[in-house]
Amino acid sequence: AKAVGAADQADPPLTLSVASSKLRYNDSKGTKLAVAWKIKPAVGITK
């Protein structure tokens, strides 16, 4: 999550199957994370 969300990147990677609760890093660590909710057929799993 931190690798993807780090600020000021020209060519950041993506995550796969990373906990959605890492969105909290945007407040606590200044990351720029967003979920690609509309990915087909599903963006991932819910546990």
ModelCIF file with pLDDT and N, C-alpha, C, O atoms, coordinates in Angstrom:
data_MODEL
#
_entry.id   MODEL 
#
_entity.id                         1 
_entity.type                       polymer 
_entity.pdbx_number_of_molecules   1 
#
_entity_poly.entity_id                      1 
_entity_poly.type                           'polypeptide(L)' 
_entity_poly.nstd_linkage                   no 
_entity_poly.nstd_monomer                   no 
_entity_poly.pdbx_seq_one_letter_code       AKAVGAADQADPPLTLSVASSKLRYNDSKGTKLAVAWKIKPAVGITK 
_entity_poly.pdbx_seq_one_letter_code_can   AKAVGAADQADPPLTLSVASSKLRYNDSKGTKLAVAWKIKPAVGITK 
_entity_poly.pdbx_strand_id                 A 
#
loop_
_entity_poly_seq.entity_id 
_entity_poly_seq.num 
_entity_poly_seq.mon_id 
_entity_poly_seq.hetero 
1 1  ALA n 
1 2  LYS n 
1 3  ALA n 
1 4  VAL n 
1 5  GLY n 
1 6  ALA n 
1 7  ALA n 
1 8  ASP n 
1 9  GLN n 
1 10 ALA n 
1 11 ASP n 
1 12 PRO n 
1 13 PRO n 
1 14 LEU n 
1 15 THR n 
1 16 LEU n 
1 17 SER n 
1 18 VAL n 
1 19 ALA n 
1 20 SER n 
1 21 SER n 
1 22 LYS n 
1 23 LEU n 
1 24 ARG n 
1 25 TYR n 
1 26 ASN n 
1 27 ASP n 
1 28 SER n 
1 29 LYS n 
1 30 GLY n 
1 31 THR n 
1 32 LYS n 
1 33 LEU n 
1 34 ALA n 
1 35 VAL n 
1 36 ALA n 
1 37 TRP n 
1 38 LYS n 
1 39 ILE n 
1 40 LYS n 
1 41 PRO n 
1 42 ALA n 
1 43 VAL n 
1 44 GLY n 
1 45 ILE n 
1 46 THR n 
1 47 LYS n 
#
_struct_asym.id          A 
_struct_asym.entity_id   1 
#
loop_
_ma_qa_metric.id 
_ma_qa_metric.mode 
_ma_qa_metric.name 
_ma_qa_metric.software_group_id 
_ma_qa_metric.type 
1 global pLDDT . pLDDT 
2 local  pLDDT . pLDDT 
#
_ma_qa_metric_global.metric_id      1 
_ma_qa_metric_global.metric_value   97.28 
_ma_qa_metric_global.model_id       1 
_ma_qa_metric_global.ordinal_id     1 
#
loop_
_ma_qa_metric_local.label_asym_id 
_ma_qa_metric_local.label_comp_id 
_ma_qa_metric_local.label_seq_id 
_ma_qa_metric_local.metric_id 
_ma_qa_metric_local.metric_value 
_ma_qa_metric_local.model_id 
_ma_qa_metric_local.ordinal_id 
A ALA 1  2 98.00 1 1  
A LYS 2  2 98.00 1 2  
A ALA 3  2 98.00 1 3  
A VAL 4  2 98.00 1 4  
A GLY 5  2 98.00 1 5  
A ALA 6  2 98.00 1 6  
A ALA 7  2 98.00 1 7  
A ASP 8  2 98.00 1 8  
A GLN 9  2 98.00 1 9  
A ALA 10 2 97.00 1 10 
A ASP 11 2 97.00 1 11 
A PRO 12 2 98.00 1 12 
A PRO 13 2 98.00 1 13 
A LEU 14 2 98.00 1 14 
A THR 15 2 98.00 1 15 
A LEU 16 2 98.00 1 16 
A SER 17 2 98.00 1 17 
A VAL 18 2 98.00 1 18 
A ALA 19 2 96.00 1 19 
A SER 20 2 97.00 1 20 
A SER 21 2 95.00 1 21 
A LYS 22 2 96.00 1 22 
A LEU 23 2 96.00 1 23 
A ARG 24 2 95.00 1 24 
A TYR 25 2 97.00 1 25 
A ASN 26 2 97.00 1 26 
A ASP 27 2 96.00 1 27 
A SER 28 2 96.00 1 28 
A LYS 29 2 97.00 1 29 
A GLY 30 2 98.00 1 30 
A THR 31 2 98.00 1 31 
A LYS 32 2 98.00 1 32 
A LEU 33 2 98.00 1 33 
A ALA 34 2 98.00 1 34 
A VAL 35 2 97.00 1 35 
A ALA 36 2 97.00 1 36 
A TRP 37 2 96.00 1 37 
A LYS 38 2 95.00 1 38 
A ILE 39 2 98.00 1 39 
A LYS 40 2 98.00 1 40 
A PRO 41 2 98.00 1 41 
A ALA 42 2 98.00 1 42 
A VAL 43 2 98.00 1 43 
A GLY 44 2 98.00 1 44 
A ILE 45 2 98.00 1 45 
A THR 46 2 97.00 1 46 
A LYS 47 2 94.00 1 47 
#
loop_
_atom_site.group_PDB 
_atom_site.id 
_atom_site.type_symbol 
_atom_site.label_atom_id 
_atom_site.label_alt_id 
_atom_site.label_comp_id 
_atom_site.label_asym_id 
_atom_site.label_entity_id 
_atom_site.label_seq_id 
_atom_site.pdbx_PDB_ins_code 
_atom_site.Cartn_x 
_atom_site.Cartn_y 
_atom_site.Cartn_z 
_atom_site.occupancy 
_atom_site.B_iso_or_equiv 
_atom_site.pdbx_formal_charge 
_atom_site.auth_seq_id 
_atom_site.auth_comp_id 
_atom_site.auth_asym_id 
_atom_site.auth_atom_id 
_atom_site.pdbx_PDB_model_num 
ATOM 1   N N  . ALA A 1 1  ? 0.826   -1.209  0.000   1.00 98.00 ? 1  ALA A N  1 
ATOM 2   C CA . ALA A 1 1  ? 0.000   0.000   0.000   1.00 98.00 ? 1  ALA A CA 1 
ATOM 3   C C  . ALA A 1 1  ? 0.861   1.260   0.000   1.00 98.00 ? 1  ALA A C  1 
ATOM 4   O O  . ALA A 1 1  ? 0.555   2.215   -0.714  1.00 98.00 ? 1  ALA A O  1 
ATOM 5   N N  . LYS A 1 2  ? 1.922   1.274   0.784   1.00 98.00 ? 2  LYS A N  1 
ATOM 6   C CA . LYS A 1 2  ? 2.783   2.458   0.843   1.00 98.00 ? 2  LYS A CA 1 
ATOM 7   C C  . LYS A 1 2  ? 3.556   2.655   -0.459  1.00 98.00 ? 2  LYS A C  1 
ATOM 8   O O  . LYS A 1 2  ? 3.805   3.787   -0.872  1.00 98.00 ? 2  LYS A O  1 
ATOM 9   N N  . ALA A 1 3  ? 3.933   1.557   -1.101  1.00 98.00 ? 3  ALA A N  1 
ATOM 10  C CA . ALA A 1 3  ? 4.638   1.670   -2.379  1.00 98.00 ? 3  ALA A CA 1 
ATOM 11  C C  . ALA A 1 3  ? 3.738   2.280   -3.450  1.00 98.00 ? 3  ALA A C  1 
ATOM 12  O O  . ALA A 1 3  ? 4.187   3.093   -4.257  1.00 98.00 ? 3  ALA A O  1 
ATOM 13  N N  . VAL A 1 4  ? 2.491   1.891   -3.453  1.00 98.00 ? 4  VAL A N  1 
ATOM 14  C CA . VAL A 1 4  ? 1.543   2.408   -4.443  1.00 98.00 ? 4  VAL A CA 1 
ATOM 15  C C  . VAL A 1 4  ? 1.128   3.837   -4.117  1.00 98.00 ? 4  VAL A C  1 
ATOM 16  O O  . VAL A 1 4  ? 1.017   4.675   -5.012  1.00 98.00 ? 4  VAL A O  1 
ATOM 17  N N  . GLY A 1 5  ? 0.902   4.111   -2.851  1.00 98.00 ? 5  GLY A N  1 
ATOM 18  C CA . GLY A 1 5  ? 0.308   5.379   -2.454  1.00 98.00 ? 5  GLY A CA 1 
ATOM 19  C C  . GLY A 1 5  ? 1.265   6.507   -2.181  1.00 98.00 ? 5  GLY A C  1 
ATOM 20  O O  . GLY A 1 5  ? 0.829   7.628   -1.918  1.00 98.00 ? 5  GLY A O  1 
ATOM 21  N N  . ALA A 1 6  ? 2.573   6.247   -2.233  1.00 98.00 ? 6  ALA A N  1 
ATOM 22  C CA . ALA A 1 6  ? 3.535   7.306   -1.932  1.00 98.00 ? 6  ALA A CA 1 
ATOM 23  C C  . ALA A 1 6  ? 3.314   8.512   -2.849  1.00 98.00 ? 6  ALA A C  1 
ATOM 24  O O  . ALA A 1 6  ? 3.024   8.358   -4.035  1.00 98.00 ? 6  ALA A O  1 
ATOM 25  N N  . ALA A 1 7  ? 3.455   9.706   -2.287  1.00 98.00 ? 7  ALA A N  1 
ATOM 26  C CA . ALA A 1 7  ? 3.185   10.933  -3.029  1.00 98.00 ? 7  ALA A CA 1 
ATOM 27  C C  . ALA A 1 7  ? 4.255   11.217  -4.077  1.00 98.00 ? 7  ALA A C  1 
ATOM 28  O O  . ALA A 1 7  ? 5.392   10.756  -3.978  1.00 98.00 ? 7  ALA A O  1 
ATOM 29  N N  . ASP A 1 8  ? 3.855   11.988  -5.082  1.00 98.00 ? 8  ASP A N  1 
ATOM 30  C CA . ASP A 1 8  ? 4.763   12.538  -6.096  1.00 98.00 ? 8  ASP A CA 1 
ATOM 31  C C  . ASP A 1 8  ? 5.497   11.457  -6.874  1.00 98.00 ? 8  ASP A C  1 
ATOM 32  O O  . ASP A 1 8  ? 6.715   11.519  -7.046  1.00 98.00 ? 8  ASP A O  1 
ATOM 33  N N  . GLN A 1 9  ? 4.750   10.471  -7.340  1.00 98.00 ? 9  GLN A N  1 
ATOM 34  C CA . GLN A 1 9  ? 5.324   9.428   -8.190  1.00 98.00 ? 9  GLN A CA 1 
ATOM 35  C C  . GLN A 1 9  ? 4.898   9.653   -9.640  1.00 98.00 ? 9  GLN A C  1 
ATOM 36  O O  . GLN A 1 9  ? 3.744   9.987   -9.912  1.00 98.00 ? 9  GLN A O  1 
ATOM 37  N N  . ALA A 1 10 ? 5.831   9.469   -10.558 1.00 97.00 ? 10 ALA A N  1 
ATOM 38  C CA . ALA A 1 10 ? 5.515   9.586   -11.979 1.00 97.00 ? 10 ALA A CA 1 
ATOM 39  C C  . ALA A 1 10 ? 4.907   8.302   -12.522 1.00 97.00 ? 10 ALA A C  1 
ATOM 40  O O  . ALA A 1 10 ? 4.089   8.335   -13.441 1.00 97.00 ? 10 ALA A O  1 
ATOM 41  N N  . ASP A 1 11 ? 5.308   7.174   -11.954 1.00 97.00 ? 11 ASP A N  1 
ATOM 42  C CA . ASP A 1 11 ? 4.893   5.882   -12.516 1.00 97.00 ? 11 ASP A CA 1 
ATOM 43  C C  . ASP A 1 11 ? 4.673   4.867   -11.392 1.00 97.00 ? 11 ASP A C  1 
ATOM 44  O O  . ASP A 1 11 ? 5.414   3.889   -11.294 1.00 97.00 ? 11 ASP A O  1 
ATOM 45  N N  . PRO A 1 12 ? 3.679   5.085   -10.553 1.00 98.00 ? 12 PRO A N  1 
ATOM 46  C CA . PRO A 1 12 ? 3.479   4.211   -9.389  1.00 98.00 ? 12 PRO A CA 1 
ATOM 47  C C  . PRO A 1 12 ? 2.935   2.848   -9.803  1.00 98.00 ? 12 PRO A C  1 
ATOM 48  O O  . PRO A 1 12 ? 2.305   2.719   -10.852 1.00 98.00 ? 12 PRO A O  1 
ATOM 49  N N  . PRO A 1 13 ? 3.180   1.829   -8.976  1.00 98.00 ? 13 PRO A N  1 
ATOM 50  C CA . PRO A 1 13 ? 2.622   0.501   -9.225  1.00 98.00 ? 13 PRO A CA 1 
ATOM 51  C C  . PRO A 1 13 ? 1.166   0.431   -8.787  1.00 98.00 ? 13 PRO A C  1 
ATOM 52  O O  . PRO A 1 13 ? 0.577   1.432   -8.378  1.00 98.00 ? 13 PRO A O  1 
ATOM 53  N N  . LEU A 1 14 ? 0.597   -0.762  -8.877  1.00 98.00 ? 14 LEU A N  1 
ATOM 54  C CA . LEU A 1 14 ? -0.742  -1.062  -8.379  1.00 98.00 ? 14 LEU A CA 1 
ATOM 55  C C  . LEU A 1 14 ? -0.624  -2.127  -7.309  1.00 98.00 ? 14 LEU A C  1 
ATOM 56  O O  . LEU A 1 14 ? 0.388   -2.823  -7.225  1.00 98.00 ? 14 LEU A O  1 
ATOM 57  N N  . THR A 1 15 ? -1.667  -2.254  -6.486  1.00 98.00 ? 15 THR A N  1 
ATOM 58  C CA . THR A 1 15 ? -1.732  -3.401  -5.588  1.00 98.00 ? 15 THR A CA 1 
ATOM 59  C C  . THR A 1 15 ? -2.737  -4.402  -6.128  1.00 98.00 ? 15 THR A C  1 
ATOM 60  O O  . THR A 1 15 ? -3.559  -4.085  -6.988  1.00 98.00 ? 15 THR A O  1 
ATOM 61  N N  . LEU A 1 16 ? -2.654  -5.599  -5.611  1.00 98.00 ? 16 LEU A N  1 
ATOM 62  C CA . LEU A 1 16 ? -3.661  -6.628  -5.838  1.00 98.00 ? 16 LEU A CA 1 
ATOM 63  C C  . LEU A 1 16 ? -3.938  -7.294  -4.497  1.00 98.00 ? 16 LEU A C  1 
ATOM 64  O O  . LEU A 1 16 ? -3.006  -7.692  -3.797  1.00 98.00 ? 16 LEU A O  1 
ATOM 65  N N  . SER A 1 17 ? -5.216  -7.419  -4.134  1.00 98.00 ? 17 SER A N  1 
ATOM 66  C CA . SER A 1 17 ? -5.628  -8.107  -2.915  1.00 98.00 ? 17 SER A CA 1 
ATOM 67  C C  . SER A 1 17 ? -4.948  -7.541  -1.664  1.00 98.00 ? 17 SER A C  1 
ATOM 68  O O  . SER A 1 17 ? -4.384  -8.280  -0.856  1.00 98.00 ? 17 SER A O  1 
ATOM 69  N N  . VAL A 1 18 ? -5.014  -6.225  -1.526  1.00 98.00 ? 18 VAL A N  1 
ATOM 70  C CA . VAL A 1 18 ? -4.523  -5.538  -0.327  1.00 98.00 ? 18 VAL A CA 1 
ATOM 71  C C  . VAL A 1 18 ? -5.724  -5.007  0.452   1.00 98.00 ? 18 VAL A C  1 
ATOM 72  O O  . VAL A 1 18 ? -6.694  -4.539  -0.143  1.00 98.00 ? 18 VAL A O  1 
ATOM 73  N N  . ALA A 1 19 ? -5.660  -5.078  1.771   1.00 96.00 ? 19 ALA A N  1 
ATOM 74  C CA . ALA A 1 19 ? -6.790  -4.733  2.629   1.00 96.00 ? 19 ALA A CA 1 
ATOM 75  C C  . ALA A 1 19 ? -7.279  -3.311  2.378   1.00 96.00 ? 19 ALA A C  1 
ATOM 76  O O  . ALA A 1 19 ? -6.498  -2.360  2.401   1.00 96.00 ? 19 ALA A O  1 
ATOM 77  N N  . SER A 1 20 ? -8.582  -3.181  2.137   1.00 97.00 ? 20 SER A N  1 
ATOM 78  C CA . SER A 1 20 ? -9.173  -1.875  1.863   1.00 97.00 ? 20 SER A CA 1 
ATOM 79  C C  . SER A 1 20 ? -9.002  -0.906  3.028   1.00 97.00 ? 20 SER A C  1 
ATOM 80  O O  . SER A 1 20 ? -9.034  0.308   2.831   1.00 97.00 ? 20 SER A O  1 
ATOM 81  N N  . SER A 1 21 ? -8.822  -1.425  4.229   1.00 95.00 ? 21 SER A N  1 
ATOM 82  C CA . SER A 1 21 ? -8.645  -0.547  5.393   1.00 95.00 ? 21 SER A CA 1 
ATOM 83  C C  . SER A 1 21 ? -7.332  0.229   5.342   1.00 95.00 ? 21 SER A C  1 
ATOM 84  O O  . SER A 1 21 ? -7.124  1.132   6.152   1.00 95.00 ? 21 SER A O  1 
ATOM 85  N N  . LYS A 1 22 ? -6.442  -0.105  4.403   1.00 96.00 ? 22 LYS A N  1 
ATOM 86  C CA . LYS A 1 22 ? -5.223  0.689   4.244   1.00 96.00 ? 22 LYS A CA 1 
ATOM 87  C C  . LYS A 1 22 ? -5.536  2.089   3.722   1.00 96.00 ? 22 LYS A C  1 
ATOM 88  O O  . LYS A 1 22 ? -4.645  2.937   3.666   1.00 96.00 ? 22 LYS A O  1 
ATOM 89  N N  . LEU A 1 23 ? -6.774  2.342   3.343   1.00 96.00 ? 23 LEU A N  1 
ATOM 90  C CA . LEU A 1 23 ? -7.181  3.706   3.018   1.00 96.00 ? 23 LEU A CA 1 
ATOM 91  C C  . LEU A 1 23 ? -6.886  4.661   4.159   1.00 96.00 ? 23 LEU A C  1 
ATOM 92  O O  . LEU A 1 23 ? -6.715  5.860   3.936   1.00 96.00 ? 23 LEU A O  1 
ATOM 93  N N  . ARG A 1 24 ? -6.825  4.146   5.375   1.00 95.00 ? 24 ARG A N  1 
ATOM 94  C CA . ARG A 1 24 ? -6.543  5.013   6.530   1.00 95.00 ? 24 ARG A CA 1 
ATOM 95  C C  . ARG A 1 24 ? -5.148  5.627   6.431   1.00 95.00 ? 24 ARG A C  1 
ATOM 96  O O  . ARG A 1 24 ? -4.876  6.634   7.085   1.00 95.00 ? 24 ARG A O  1 
ATOM 97  N N  . TYR A 1 25 ? -4.259  5.043   5.627   1.00 97.00 ? 25 TYR A N  1 
ATOM 98  C CA . TYR A 1 25 ? -2.918  5.598   5.446   1.00 97.00 ? 25 TYR A CA 1 
ATOM 99  C C  . TYR A 1 25 ? -2.967  6.992   4.821   1.00 97.00 ? 25 TYR A C  1 
ATOM 100 O O  . TYR A 1 25 ? -2.043  7.785   5.004   1.00 97.00 ? 25 TYR A O  1 
ATOM 101 N N  . ASN A 1 26 ? -4.041  7.297   4.084   1.00 97.00 ? 26 ASN A N  1 
ATOM 102 C CA . ASN A 1 26 ? -4.127  8.631   3.482   1.00 97.00 ? 26 ASN A CA 1 
ATOM 103 C C  . ASN A 1 26 ? -4.122  9.713   4.557   1.00 97.00 ? 26 ASN A C  1 
ATOM 104 O O  . ASN A 1 26 ? -3.572  10.795  4.352   1.00 97.00 ? 26 ASN A O  1 
ATOM 105 N N  . ASP A 1 27 ? -4.729  9.422   5.690   1.00 96.00 ? 27 ASP A N  1 
ATOM 106 C CA . ASP A 1 27 ? -4.727  10.374  6.803   1.00 96.00 ? 27 ASP A CA 1 
ATOM 107 C C  . ASP A 1 27 ? -3.482  10.237  7.672   1.00 96.00 ? 27 ASP A C  1 
ATOM 108 O O  . ASP A 1 27 ? -2.879  11.234  8.071   1.00 96.00 ? 27 ASP A O  1 
ATOM 109 N N  . SER A 1 28 ? -3.103  8.993   7.961   1.00 96.00 ? 28 SER A N  1 
ATOM 110 C CA . SER A 1 28 ? -2.017  8.787   8.929   1.00 96.00 ? 28 SER A CA 1 
ATOM 111 C C  . SER A 1 28 ? -0.622  8.876   8.317   1.00 96.00 ? 28 SER A C  1 
ATOM 112 O O  . SER A 1 28 ? 0.336   9.213   9.013   1.00 96.00 ? 28 SER A O  1 
ATOM 113 N N  . LYS A 1 29 ? -0.496  8.576   7.017   1.00 97.00 ? 29 LYS A N  1 
ATOM 114 C CA . LYS A 1 29 ? 0.829   8.536   6.402   1.00 97.00 ? 29 LYS A CA 1 
ATOM 115 C C  . LYS A 1 29 ? 0.939   9.409   5.146   1.00 97.00 ? 29 LYS A C  1 
ATOM 116 O O  . LYS A 1 29 ? 1.995   9.456   4.516   1.00 97.00 ? 29 LYS A O  1 
ATOM 117 N N  . GLY A 1 30 ? -0.128  10.086  4.790   1.00 98.00 ? 30 GLY A N  1 
ATOM 118 C CA . GLY A 1 30 ? -0.077  10.985  3.644   1.00 98.00 ? 30 GLY A CA 1 
ATOM 119 C C  . GLY A 1 30 ? -0.071  10.294  2.298   1.00 98.00 ? 30 GLY A C  1 
ATOM 120 O O  . GLY A 1 30 ? 0.335   10.896  1.303   1.00 98.00 ? 30 GLY A O  1 
ATOM 121 N N  . THR A 1 31 ? -0.510  9.050   2.238   1.00 98.00 ? 31 THR A N  1 
ATOM 122 C CA . THR A 1 31 ? -0.533  8.341   0.963   1.00 98.00 ? 31 THR A CA 1 
ATOM 123 C C  . THR A 1 31 ? -1.673  8.858   0.092   1.00 98.00 ? 31 THR A C  1 
ATOM 124 O O  . THR A 1 31 ? -2.531  9.615   0.546   1.00 98.00 ? 31 THR A O  1 
ATOM 125 N N  . LYS A 1 32 ? -1.664  8.433   -1.164  1.00 98.00 ? 32 LYS A N  1 
ATOM 126 C CA . LYS A 1 32 ? -2.650  8.857   -2.159  1.00 98.00 ? 32 LYS A CA 1 
ATOM 127 C C  . LYS A 1 32 ? -3.363  7.631   -2.725  1.00 98.00 ? 32 LYS A C  1 
ATOM 128 O O  . LYS A 1 32 ? -3.379  7.413   -3.937  1.00 98.00 ? 32 LYS A O  1 
ATOM 129 N N  . LEU A 1 33 ? -3.946  6.841   -1.841  1.00 98.00 ? 33 LEU A N  1 
ATOM 130 C CA . LEU A 1 33 ? -4.554  5.576   -2.232  1.00 98.00 ? 33 LEU A CA 1 
ATOM 131 C C  . LEU A 1 33 ? -6.018  5.750   -2.605  1.00 98.00 ? 33 LEU A C  1 
ATOM 132 O O  . LEU A 1 33 ? -6.765  6.466   -1.937  1.00 98.00 ? 33 LEU A O  1 
ATOM 133 N N  . ALA A 1 34 ? -6.414  5.084   -3.679  1.00 98.00 ? 34 ALA A N  1 
ATOM 134 C CA . ALA A 1 34 ? -7.816  5.004   -4.071  1.00 98.00 ? 34 ALA A CA 1 
ATOM 135 C C  . ALA A 1 34 ? -8.084  3.582   -4.544  1.00 98.00 ? 34 ALA A C  1 
ATOM 136 O O  . ALA A 1 34 ? -7.192  2.915   -5.067  1.00 98.00 ? 34 ALA A O  1 
ATOM 137 N N  . VAL A 1 35 ? -9.318  3.123   -4.358  1.00 97.00 ? 35 VAL A N  1 
ATOM 138 C CA . VAL A 1 35 ? -9.709  1.775   -4.753  1.00 97.00 ? 35 VAL A CA 1 
ATOM 139 C C  . VAL A 1 35 ? -10.320 1.811   -6.151  1.00 97.00 ? 35 VAL A C  1 
ATOM 140 O O  . VAL A 1 35 ? -11.172 2.650   -6.442  1.00 97.00 ? 35 VAL A O  1 
ATOM 141 N N  . ALA A 1 36 ? -9.887  0.912   -6.997  1.00 97.00 ? 36 ALA A N  1 
ATOM 142 C CA . ALA A 1 36 ? -10.449 0.790   -8.350  1.00 97.00 ? 36 ALA A CA 1 
ATOM 143 C C  . ALA A 1 36 ? -11.714 -0.056  -8.282  1.00 97.00 ? 36 ALA A C  1 
ATOM 144 O O  . ALA A 1 36 ? -11.746 -1.183  -8.777  1.00 97.00 ? 36 ALA A O  1 
ATOM 145 N N  . TRP A 1 37 ? -12.760 0.498   -7.663  1.00 96.00 ? 37 TRP A N  1 
ATOM 146 C CA . TRP A 1 37 ? -13.952 -0.276  -7.341  1.00 96.00 ? 37 TRP A CA 1 
ATOM 147 C C  . TRP A 1 37 ? -14.609 -0.907  -8.557  1.00 96.00 ? 37 TRP A C  1 
ATOM 148 O O  . TRP A 1 37 ? -15.204 -1.978  -8.437  1.00 96.00 ? 37 TRP A O  1 
ATOM 149 N N  . LYS A 1 38 ? -14.523 -0.281  -9.723  1.00 95.00 ? 38 LYS A N  1 
ATOM 150 C CA . LYS A 1 38 ? -15.305 -0.729  -10.870 1.00 95.00 ? 38 LYS A CA 1 
ATOM 151 C C  . LYS A 1 38 ? -14.580 -1.739  -11.758 1.00 95.00 ? 38 LYS A C  1 
ATOM 152 O O  . LYS A 1 38 ? -15.005 -2.000  -12.883 1.00 95.00 ? 38 LYS A O  1 
ATOM 153 N N  . ILE A 1 39 ? -13.503 -2.297  -11.259 1.00 98.00 ? 39 ILE A N  1 
ATOM 154 C CA . ILE A 1 39 ? -12.793 -3.340  -11.998 1.00 98.00 ? 39 ILE A CA 1 
ATOM 155 C C  . ILE A 1 39 ? -13.712 -4.534  -12.236 1.00 98.00 ? 39 ILE A C  1 
ATOM 156 O O  . ILE A 1 39 ? -14.487 -4.916  -11.360 1.00 98.00 ? 39 ILE A O  1 
ATOM 157 N N  . LYS A 1 40 ? -13.617 -5.119  -13.432 1.00 98.00 ? 40 LYS A N  1 
ATOM 158 C CA . LYS A 1 40 ? -14.389 -6.308  -13.784 1.00 98.00 ? 40 LYS A CA 1 
ATOM 159 C C  . LYS A 1 40 ? -13.502 -7.548  -13.751 1.00 98.00 ? 40 LYS A C  1 
ATOM 160 O O  . LYS A 1 40 ? -12.318 -7.447  -14.075 1.00 98.00 ? 40 LYS A O  1 
ATOM 161 N N  . PRO A 1 41 ? -14.024 -8.714  -13.372 1.00 98.00 ? 41 PRO A N  1 
ATOM 162 C CA . PRO A 1 41 ? -15.389 -8.932  -12.895 1.00 98.00 ? 41 PRO A CA 1 
ATOM 163 C C  . PRO A 1 41 ? -15.590 -8.544  -11.425 1.00 98.00 ? 41 PRO A C  1 
ATOM 164 O O  . PRO A 1 41 ? -16.726 -8.461  -10.959 1.00 98.00 ? 41 PRO A O  1 
ATOM 165 N N  . ALA A 1 42 ? -14.500 -8.309  -10.697 1.00 98.00 ? 42 ALA A N  1 
ATOM 166 C CA . ALA A 1 42 ? -14.580 -7.874  -9.300  1.00 98.00 ? 42 ALA A CA 1 
ATOM 167 C C  . ALA A 1 42 ? -13.236 -7.278  -8.919  1.00 98.00 ? 42 ALA A C  1 
ATOM 168 O O  . ALA A 1 42 ? -12.197 -7.686  -9.439  1.00 98.00 ? 42 ALA A O  1 
ATOM 169 N N  . VAL A 1 43 ? -13.259 -6.319  -8.017  1.00 98.00 ? 43 VAL A N  1 
ATOM 170 C CA . VAL A 1 43 ? -12.020 -5.673  -7.600  1.00 98.00 ? 43 VAL A CA 1 
ATOM 171 C C  . VAL A 1 43 ? -11.243 -6.542  -6.613  1.00 98.00 ? 43 VAL A C  1 
ATOM 172 O O  . VAL A 1 43 ? -10.076 -6.270  -6.327  1.00 98.00 ? 43 VAL A O  1 
ATOM 173 N N  . GLY A 1 44 ? -11.881 -7.577  -6.096  1.00 98.00 ? 44 GLY A N  1 
ATOM 174 C CA . GLY A 1 44 ? -11.221 -8.471  -5.151  1.00 98.00 ? 44 GLY A CA 1 
ATOM 175 C C  . GLY A 1 44 ? -12.262 -9.246  -4.363  1.00 98.00 ? 44 GLY A C  1 
ATOM 176 O O  . GLY A 1 44 ? -13.360 -9.510  -4.852  1.00 98.00 ? 44 GLY A O  1 
ATOM 177 N N  . ILE A 1 45 ? -11.908 -9.601  -3.153  1.00 98.00 ? 45 ILE A N  1 
ATOM 178 C CA . ILE A 1 45 ? -12.797 -10.374 -2.282  1.00 98.00 ? 45 ILE A CA 1 
ATOM 179 C C  . ILE A 1 45 ? -13.165 -9.552  -1.054  1.00 98.00 ? 45 ILE A C  1 
ATOM 180 O O  . ILE A 1 45 ? -12.488 -8.582  -0.713  1.00 98.00 ? 45 ILE A O  1 
ATOM 181 N N  . THR A 1 46 ? -14.241 -9.951  -0.400  1.00 97.00 ? 46 THR A N  1 
ATOM 182 C CA . THR A 1 46 ? -14.576 -9.407  0.913   1.00 97.00 ? 46 THR A CA 1 
ATOM 183 C C  . THR A 1 46 ? -14.464 -10.525 1.939   1.00 97.00 ? 46 THR A C  1 
ATOM 184 O O  . THR A 1 46 ? -15.007 -11.614 1.755   1.00 97.00 ? 46 THR A O  1 
ATOM 185 N N  . LYS A 1 47 ? -13.758 -10.242 3.011   1.00 94.00 ? 47 LYS A N  1 
ATOM 186 C CA . LYS A 1 47 ? -13.545 -11.223 4.066   1.00 94.00 ? 47 LYS A CA 1 
ATOM 187 C C  . LYS A 1 47 ? -14.219 -10.756 5.344   1.00 94.00 ? 47 LYS A C  1 
ATOM 188 O O  . LYS A 1 47 ? -14.157 -11.446 6.362   1.00 94.00 ? 47 LYS A O  1 
#
